[in-house]
Amino acid sequence: MNSRTGETGVSVTSGEECRAIFSQAIGENRTYLMEHECKEILESMGIATTGFLVAGSEDEAVEMSNTLGYPVVLKIVSPDVVHKTDSGGVKLNLADEDAVRAAYGEIVGAFKYQHIIGVAVQKMADPGVEAIIGVTRDPNFGPVLMFGLGGIFVEVLKDVTFRVLPVTLQDIDEMIQEIKGYPLLKGYRGKAVDIDALKNLLLKISELVLTFPEIRELDLNPVFLYPRGNMTVDARMFVSPAPEAVSQQASGNTVEQMRTLFYPGSIAVLGATSVEGKLGYNVFRNLLFHKFAGKLYPINPKSESVQGVKAYRSITEVPDPVDLAIVLVPASAAVTAVEECCRKGVKIIVVETAGFAETGADGKAAQEKIREIIKAHGCRLLGPNCSGVINTHVGNVQSIGLVEELGKGNIGMTAQAGVYAAGILTGLRHVMNFGIVATIGNKMDISETDILEYLGSDDHIDVVAMYMEDVKSGRRFIDVASEVTKKKPVIALKGGRTAAGTKVVSSHTASLAGNDEINSAAFRQSGIIRARDNEHLFGLLKAFARQPLPRGDGILVITYTGSLGVAATDTLYLNGMRLAELEPELKERLKGILPDYVTSLNPVDYSFSMDAEQLRKTIELGIVSEDVGGLIVVLQGEILGSFVDTLRSIDYKGKPILSCVAVKEFMMEDVILMEKAGFPVYSTVEMAAEILADMYRYSLRKDRQAQA
């Protein structure tokens, strides 16, 4: 089958033959390939299999078995039989002619009412470490690769991992190392598998599926992994006509378009009003209150002015160019309003009005009409059904709810739900400053990926948060996120972790590839840190936004109670971190600070006697220690206020300090003082330790990417 090779790495001749196999199966209205067809395709890729001789009679089966050598395996070959093993279509470990004849007769008898092409005869593979490799297609991310160990590891423990295709060698390395059974591959009792051959196999499967989009699902199960090479024992492919290629490229210069969204020189508000309680009042009031840096044009056909600013009957009457328009008119009038904005030459339109695709057929039709209008005029649109954006650095506060004074922060956030973003901003502004908040609503046009790409370029933003309900343009999302996470941490909270219903699947891979597993894989692949819940999300944000990244995995724990020191130690080690070892000279200095009855030097346990001066001196020892990458400080809530000025005065020279105050919610006044001083406060020491570990893992990934 070897002929000249095309750009994909698949030979032209074998590629044509493979496509002919797919075409024949699809032409026969089959949704799957028979095993001998699967193995022919795999072998064209240079993937070793147990072969695919097909016998048409008992005598042929015996002759083939004698040629191959015993023991052998017999399998039914029929377009009507998918699950061969479950239905008695597989006979294993046949040791002689008599066993082959008996097995052949049993198989033919069992399937006499099916269309039988023949019986496959294969050499019984030598046992090895059993693995499973598969591919399924996700509606958002496209083809997804799965790898895990077979047998009980997949059937019971579901020890598998996923990556969205295409994959890099680094992706493959991470897949292999993150399964729980990795020690078996690396070497157990002197036996290891050929890791390089396994990596090559996974890359070839990626290449195969990308070359032939007709493959809808694929299972190689089992694959035997050996000290040298590997062998695919059984293979299954499900096929369908190749889907039309859908471009996931952004239209135009997305970053510059989004810059206009966040830093417009002028804003027109359609539906602005002086009547308190209406959304048009709130939005225009927010822009005035926060001193938007550009020009404002209220659009109201019934008013000469709105909140003291000259009004215009229509946006087309505004004499100057308008960079951005906010549409607040009822859904019934929104289509006309958008069309007028486009005629005016507005390039960014924010539709905060609800009543579109989220409401039913009429709303969907109106939304589709708006889509056609902006496409024809080359405009970009945020929403509909959103709460606009906030950029505290220029007073661009478009929220539909009245927003009090905001600090200029270094956190950028995108949220699908406007109410969610507005709600968290109201409370968190006391302890956390956001620079940019974007709500995307129905994301008819501008998506979370567009916003993420822009936030990666904004110099005011150091860390990005995302609240997501679904993902559009999955492959582009991964590509954009992979670039952003090289520069800034991206932390995501993804809703929809559980499935409302069970989907019908045909392959083992698809049964294991739930939406949440694929989302997690996409996040890992692109370097996104996934938050478990809102508390975890904002805990991560506080640390990344205010503290430097750990320089190493050694942590100094300072506490006033031994029990919380033990809890911190356990959590650190469970998360791949460790207790730092102070240098001998520093240990002696520490002993001079500690009370005589204290013997523990890490965790440093002051046993309810720690004061601000002792804390300062102990932290300063940790700062100069080469082995300390970061610090956890457990403080007494009753005297929390006494530590604030001391902590604020310390030059911690690039080492993170996270603090824990048990039941902090009962002493929030001092907690807020701590937070405003730049020191994140957590209710549990476990959360603080876990977040330090997340920060360290991100720093390692960032360093690897910088060196690549």
Foldseek 3Di string as FASTA:
>chain_A
DDDPCDPLRQHPVLLVVLVVQLVVCVVVVQQWHWFQSVVSNCVSLVAAAQHWDFDADLVSLQVVCVVQDDDKKKFFTASVDAPTVVQLGIDPRQGHSVSSSVSQVVNCVSQVVGDTPGMTIGHHDDAAFWKKWKWAQDPFQGIKIKIDTDDCCCPPVVQMAIAGPPDDLVLLVCRLPPGPCNCQQPDDPRFHFDSVLVSVSSNSVSSSCVSDVQFRMKMQGTWGTHNPHIYRYTIMTTGHPRDDDDDLDDPDDLLVLVCCLAQPQEEEEEPAAQDPPALNPQQVVLLVVLVFQHYYEYADLPDCAHPPHGYHPAPLPPPDQHAEYEYDDELVCVLVNLLSCLVSVHAEYEAAHDDAPVPDDVRPVSLVSSVVSCVVSVHFYADHNAQGKAASVRSNHRGSHHDDDADAFQEEEEEQHRVVVVVCCRPCSLQHHHRMYGHRHPCSDPDPQSVLLNSLVDPSHAEYEYEEADDHNNNSSLVSLLVSLLRHAYEYEYPDLDDPDQDDDDDSVVNSDDPNSHVVNSCVSSVHHYAPDDVLRVLLVLQRRQAFAFPDQAEAEEEQDVVQQVVLQVLSVVLVGHHFDFDPVLQVVLCVLADVVFDDRGNRHNNNPDAQVSVLVNLVSLLPGPRHRAYEYEDELVCLQRNLVSVLPDDSPRHAYEYEYAPCVVRVVSQSSNSVSRHHYHNGSSSVSNSSSVSNVSVVVSVVVVVD
